[in-house]
Amino acid sequence: MNDQLATSAEALRMLFTEEIYLVKGEESAIAIEPQAVAVPAPETPVAATSYDFMGKNQRQILILVNDPINAVSTEQGRELLRKLVKAIELTANDFALVNYARYPTADYPSLRNYFSSKVMFVFGVKPAQLGLPDCTMNSLVLHETVNLIFAPDLHTLDGDQQGKKTLWGSLKQLTL
């Protein structure tokens, strides 16, 4: 039974949460001096300094999607995005595709600065989530020097014919 004897000060501190006193006449008692134990501070979320993205971003176009389940969207949403990208004659080399669900604290300045964005297509993220004033969905908006289009998430947009028409009208206004 001697192999179960705990003599480590840290182990004893974890087992005994109250003070222990040495009583005279007891030979087997171990005296331990109190020591301060460092407890790490809880981590607070910080804005991402780097982002995982698809594409090469050669034309500084950011496509932001918001899907906590899928990498981009559902199959219908991904197909809609493929059609939109093809219709405005973009390739994967031209844009960066980021899922906002992986970076919920990211804001407009950090995204714009990281990707040097000239154009942002934002699907499923509200302007307020990025720290921007509210704006009309599916419409082209100029903020600072960046053209933005906010739209519902791709899966929802796929079932909204009027929304897709409005979005297409806004996309045609862009000169890419």
Protein backbone atom coordinates (compact mmCIF):
# COMPACT_ATOMS: atom_id res chain seq x y z
CA MET A 1 0.00 0.00 0.00
CA ASN A 2 3.00 2.34 0.22
CA ASP A 3 2.80 2.97 -3.54
CA GLN A 4 -0.46 4.89 -3.03
CA LEU A 5 1.13 7.47 -0.76
CA ALA A 6 0.90 10.94 -2.36
CA THR A 7 3.83 13.16 -1.46
CA SER A 8 3.64 15.67 -4.30
CA ALA A 9 2.69 19.11 -3.01
CA GLU A 10 0.53 19.82 -6.06
CA ALA A 11 -1.31 16.50 -5.81
CA LEU A 12 -2.04 17.08 -2.15
CA ARG A 13 -3.25 20.62 -2.89
CA MET A 14 -5.77 19.19 -5.34
CA LEU A 15 -6.97 16.50 -2.91
CA PHE A 16 -7.19 18.64 0.20
CA THR A 17 -8.94 21.95 -0.29
CA GLU A 18 -8.97 22.86 3.41
CA GLU A 19 -5.97 23.69 5.57
CA ILE A 20 -4.09 20.78 7.18
CA TYR A 21 -2.51 21.11 10.61
CA LEU A 22 0.39 19.13 12.02
CA VAL A 23 -0.58 17.53 15.31
CA LYS A 24 2.29 16.79 17.71
CA GLY A 25 2.95 13.16 18.30
CA GLU A 26 2.00 11.96 14.82
CA GLU A 27 5.11 10.78 12.99
CA SER A 28 3.54 10.17 9.57
CA ALA A 29 2.11 13.61 8.97
CA ILE A 30 3.72 15.68 6.20
CA ALA A 31 3.97 19.43 6.64
CA ILE A 32 3.35 21.45 3.50
CA GLU A 33 3.93 25.15 3.27
CA PRO A 34 1.24 27.05 1.37
CA GLN A 35 2.28 28.05 -2.14
CA ALA A 36 0.59 30.21 -4.73
CA VAL A 37 -0.57 28.29 -7.78
CA ALA A 38 -0.82 30.12 -11.11
CA VAL A 39 -4.25 29.82 -12.68
CA PRO A 40 -4.42 30.77 -16.38
CA ALA A 41 -6.79 33.61 -17.20
CA PRO A 42 -9.83 32.65 -19.28
CA GLU A 43 -9.34 33.26 -22.96
CA THR A 44 -11.33 36.04 -24.55
CA PRO A 45 -12.20 35.82 -28.24
CA VAL A 46 -10.07 38.02 -30.43
CA ALA A 47 -10.56 39.00 -34.02
CA ALA A 48 -8.90 36.64 -36.43
CA THR A 49 -5.58 37.80 -37.77
CA SER A 50 -5.69 35.26 -40.58
CA TYR A 51 -8.51 33.52 -42.39
CA ASP A 52 -8.84 30.19 -44.14
CA PHE A 53 -10.32 30.79 -47.57
CA MET A 54 -10.85 29.20 -50.95
CA GLY A 55 -9.62 30.89 -54.11
CA LYS A 56 -6.63 33.10 -54.84
CA ASN A 57 -8.12 36.60 -54.41
CA GLN A 58 -6.20 38.00 -57.39
CA ARG A 59 -8.90 40.60 -58.11
CA GLN A 60 -9.57 41.47 -54.43
CA ILE A 61 -13.15 40.17 -54.45
CA LEU A 62 -14.37 38.70 -51.17
CA ILE A 63 -17.31 36.31 -51.14
CA LEU A 64 -18.54 35.89 -47.59
CA VAL A 65 -20.99 33.08 -46.82
CA ASN A 66 -22.47 32.09 -43.47
CA ASP A 67 -23.19 28.39 -42.98
CA PRO A 68 -22.40 26.78 -39.62
CA ILE A 69 -23.02 23.27 -40.99
CA ASN A 70 -21.48 23.18 -44.47
CA ALA A 71 -18.12 24.43 -45.75
CA VAL A 72 -19.91 26.83 -48.13
CA SER A 73 -23.62 26.05 -48.32
CA THR A 74 -26.06 23.29 -49.16
CA GLU A 75 -25.84 21.69 -52.60
CA GLN A 76 -28.51 24.12 -53.91
CA GLY A 77 -26.66 27.07 -52.42
CA ARG A 78 -23.32 25.97 -53.88
CA GLU A 79 -24.91 25.51 -57.31
CA LEU A 80 -26.41 29.02 -57.12
CA LEU A 81 -23.01 30.44 -56.20
CA ARG A 82 -21.36 28.61 -59.12
CA LYS A 83 -23.96 30.09 -61.50
CA LEU A 84 -23.51 33.61 -60.11
CA VAL A 85 -19.72 33.44 -60.31
CA LYS A 86 -19.86 32.09 -63.86
CA ALA A 87 -22.45 34.69 -64.93
CA ILE A 88 -20.17 37.57 -63.87
CA GLU A 89 -17.19 35.82 -65.46
CA LEU A 90 -15.12 35.12 -62.36
CA THR A 91 -12.88 32.16 -61.65
CA ALA A 92 -11.57 30.81 -58.35
CA ASN A 93 -8.38 32.77 -59.00
CA ASP A 94 -10.31 36.04 -58.84
CA PHE A 95 -11.94 35.84 -55.41
CA ALA A 96 -11.53 34.67 -51.82
CA LEU A 97 -14.40 32.64 -50.37
CA VAL A 98 -14.72 32.71 -46.57
CA ASN A 99 -17.31 31.08 -44.32
CA TYR A 100 -18.19 33.74 -41.71
CA ALA A 101 -19.52 31.05 -39.36
CA ARG A 102 -15.88 30.16 -38.61
CA TYR A 103 -15.05 33.79 -37.70
CA PRO A 104 -18.15 35.21 -35.95
CA THR A 105 -16.22 38.12 -34.42
CA ALA A 106 -14.76 39.29 -37.73
CA ASP A 107 -15.78 42.79 -38.70
CA TYR A 108 -15.73 44.79 -41.90
CA PRO A 109 -12.38 46.58 -41.33
CA SER A 110 -10.49 43.38 -40.50
CA LEU A 111 -11.92 41.53 -43.53
CA ARG A 112 -11.37 44.48 -45.87
CA ASN A 113 -7.80 44.99 -44.71
CA TYR A 114 -6.86 41.31 -44.76
CA PHE A 115 -8.22 40.68 -48.26
CA SER A 116 -7.63 44.20 -49.66
CA SER A 117 -11.21 43.97 -50.87
CA LYS A 118 -12.57 46.15 -53.65
CA VAL A 119 -15.81 44.18 -53.87
CA MET A 120 -17.61 42.10 -51.23
CA PHE A 121 -20.52 39.73 -51.86
CA VAL A 122 -22.01 38.90 -48.47
CA PHE A 123 -24.47 35.99 -48.17
CA GLY A 124 -26.23 35.34 -44.87
CA VAL A 125 -24.41 37.96 -42.80
CA LYS A 126 -26.24 41.10 -41.76
CA PRO A 127 -24.45 44.46 -42.08
CA ALA A 128 -24.68 44.98 -38.29
CA GLN A 129 -22.69 41.77 -37.71
CA LEU A 130 -19.82 43.39 -39.59
CA GLY A 131 -20.25 46.71 -37.81
CA LEU A 132 -21.86 48.43 -40.81
CA PRO A 133 -25.09 50.43 -41.05
CA ASP A 134 -28.18 48.62 -42.27
CA CYS A 135 -28.76 48.52 -46.03
CA THR A 136 -31.17 47.08 -48.58
CA MET A 137 -30.71 43.39 -49.35
CA ASN A 138 -29.58 42.39 -52.85
CA SER A 139 -28.61 45.97 -53.67
CA LEU A 140 -25.24 47.46 -54.52
CA VAL A 141 -23.87 49.71 -51.74
CA LEU A 142 -20.65 51.71 -51.74
CA HIS A 143 -18.96 51.88 -48.33
CA GLU A 144 -15.70 53.81 -48.28
CA THR A 145 -14.11 52.50 -51.49
CA VAL A 146 -15.64 49.01 -51.40
CA ASN A 147 -18.71 47.88 -53.37
CA LEU A 148 -20.86 45.64 -51.19
CA ILE A 149 -23.88 43.49 -51.90
CA PHE A 150 -25.67 41.91 -48.93
CA ALA A 151 -28.01 39.00 -49.66
CA PRO A 152 -29.69 36.21 -47.70
CA ASP A 153 -27.78 32.97 -47.25
CA LEU A 154 -27.29 31.06 -50.50
CA HIS A 155 -29.77 28.27 -49.70
CA THR A 156 -32.55 30.73 -48.88
CA LEU A 157 -31.70 32.92 -51.87
CA ASP A 158 -31.94 29.90 -54.20
CA GLY A 159 -35.67 29.63 -53.43
CA ASP A 160 -36.36 33.38 -53.77
CA GLN A 161 -36.93 34.24 -57.46
CA GLN A 162 -37.56 37.95 -56.83
CA GLY A 163 -34.46 38.17 -54.63
CA LYS A 164 -32.35 36.54 -57.34
CA LYS A 165 -33.67 39.00 -59.95
CA THR A 166 -32.85 41.97 -57.70
CA LEU A 167 -29.39 40.54 -56.99
CA TRP A 168 -28.74 39.98 -60.70
CA GLY A 169 -29.69 43.60 -61.42
CA SER A 170 -27.17 44.75 -58.80
CA LEU A 171 -24.46 42.45 -60.13
CA LYS A 172 -24.90 43.90 -63.63
CA GLN A 173 -24.14 47.39 -62.24
CA LEU A 174 -20.66 46.28 -61.18
CA THR A 175 -17.67 46.76 -63.41
CA LEU A 176 -15.37 43.91 -62.58
